[in-house]
Amino acid sequence: MEAFENRDNAQISRNVLIALPNDMSYEQERETTEEWDSNHKFNQWREKWFEILNEKFKQYGLEKVYSHKSFEEQGRMEKPEIRLTREEY
């Protein structure tokens, strides 16, 4: 996905609805939500999702293991099997 969305202002997730406490000021809300709008946060979510997925696969006796890392980060030379179109994201 990072290769597809490679502009500085690209956003992977278009909308996230979160509830914030009424006790926060506008600046506090802004500071809190800015953390969510970053590639770092997206990568944390993706890493956690693959941890959960792999735990479930292990629990179900399935031997396949998934990684949140790109093929390049994993040192794999092959190309991904399926290439999604922009509309499929």
Protein backbone atom coordinates (compact mmCIF):
# COMPACT_ATOMS: atom_id res chain seq x y z
CA MET A 1 0.00 0.00 0.00
CA GLU A 2 2.78 2.41 0.79
CA ALA A 3 4.10 2.10 -2.75
CA PHE A 4 0.64 2.84 -4.11
CA GLU A 5 -0.06 5.77 -1.77
CA ASN A 6 3.36 7.40 -1.99
CA ARG A 7 2.50 11.11 -1.86
CA ASP A 8 3.35 13.02 1.32
CA ASN A 9 -0.31 13.93 1.83
CA ALA A 10 -1.74 10.49 0.92
CA GLN A 11 -4.11 8.94 3.41
CA ILE A 12 -4.62 5.20 3.63
CA SER A 13 -7.79 5.33 5.69
CA ARG A 14 -10.29 7.89 4.52
CA ASN A 15 -12.52 8.04 7.60
CA VAL A 16 -12.20 7.04 11.22
CA LEU A 17 -14.96 7.97 13.64
CA ILE A 18 -13.82 8.27 17.26
CA ALA A 19 -15.48 9.68 20.35
CA LEU A 20 -13.51 12.22 22.35
CA PRO A 21 -14.28 13.29 25.91
CA ASN A 22 -16.10 16.61 26.25
CA ASP A 23 -13.50 17.70 28.81
CA MET A 24 -10.81 18.33 26.18
CA SER A 25 -10.11 21.72 24.68
CA TYR A 26 -10.01 22.13 20.91
CA GLU A 27 -6.20 22.12 20.95
CA GLN A 28 -6.10 18.97 23.07
CA GLU A 29 -8.52 17.25 20.69
CA ARG A 30 -6.46 18.31 17.70
CA GLU A 31 -3.20 17.10 19.25
CA THR A 32 -4.81 13.78 20.16
CA THR A 33 -6.31 13.17 16.71
CA GLU A 34 -3.19 14.21 14.78
CA GLU A 35 -1.41 11.17 16.19
CA TRP A 36 -4.02 8.97 14.49
CA ASP A 37 -3.41 10.54 11.09
CA SER A 38 0.04 9.13 10.46
CA ASN A 39 1.71 6.24 8.68
CA HIS A 40 3.25 5.23 12.01
CA LYS A 41 -0.20 4.68 13.55
CA PHE A 42 -1.38 2.83 10.44
CA ASN A 43 1.64 0.52 10.65
CA GLN A 44 0.91 -0.15 14.34
CA TRP A 45 -2.68 -1.12 13.49
CA ARG A 46 -1.53 -3.34 10.65
CA GLU A 47 1.13 -5.03 12.80
CA LYS A 48 -1.43 -5.72 15.55
CA TRP A 49 -3.93 -7.08 13.01
CA PHE A 50 -1.38 -9.59 11.70
CA GLU A 51 -0.48 -10.62 15.27
CA ILE A 52 -4.16 -11.42 15.93
CA LEU A 53 -4.53 -13.16 12.56
CA ASN A 54 -1.48 -15.35 13.18
CA GLU A 55 -2.67 -16.23 16.70
CA LYS A 56 -6.03 -17.34 15.29
CA PHE A 57 -4.37 -19.38 12.54
CA LYS A 58 -2.23 -21.11 15.16
CA GLN A 59 -5.29 -21.70 17.35
CA TYR A 60 -7.14 -23.27 14.40
CA GLY A 61 -4.16 -25.47 13.50
CA LEU A 62 -3.40 -23.63 10.28
CA GLU A 63 0.28 -23.37 9.41
CA LYS A 64 0.30 -20.25 7.25
CA VAL A 65 1.93 -17.16 8.82
CA TYR A 66 1.24 -13.60 7.66
CA SER A 67 3.44 -10.55 8.08
CA HIS A 68 2.68 -6.84 8.14
CA LYS A 69 6.01 -6.16 6.44
CA SER A 70 6.35 -5.60 2.71
CA PHE A 71 8.08 -8.24 0.60
CA GLU A 72 11.04 -5.86 0.35
CA GLU A 73 11.28 -5.54 4.16
CA GLN A 74 11.11 -9.34 4.41
CA GLY A 75 13.95 -9.73 1.90
CA ARG A 76 11.67 -11.57 -0.53
CA MET A 77 12.41 -11.10 -4.22
CA GLU A 78 9.13 -12.36 -5.71
CA LYS A 79 6.25 -10.11 -6.63
CA PRO A 80 2.94 -10.18 -4.72
CA GLU A 81 0.49 -12.66 -6.23
CA ILE A 82 -2.51 -10.33 -6.49
CA ARG A 83 -2.39 -6.68 -7.46
CA LEU A 84 -5.46 -4.72 -6.38
CA THR A 85 -6.78 -1.86 -8.45
CA ARG A 86 -7.32 1.55 -6.89
CA GLU A 87 -11.09 0.89 -6.68
CA GLU A 88 -10.51 -2.39 -4.82
CA TYR A 89 -8.69 -0.62 -1.99
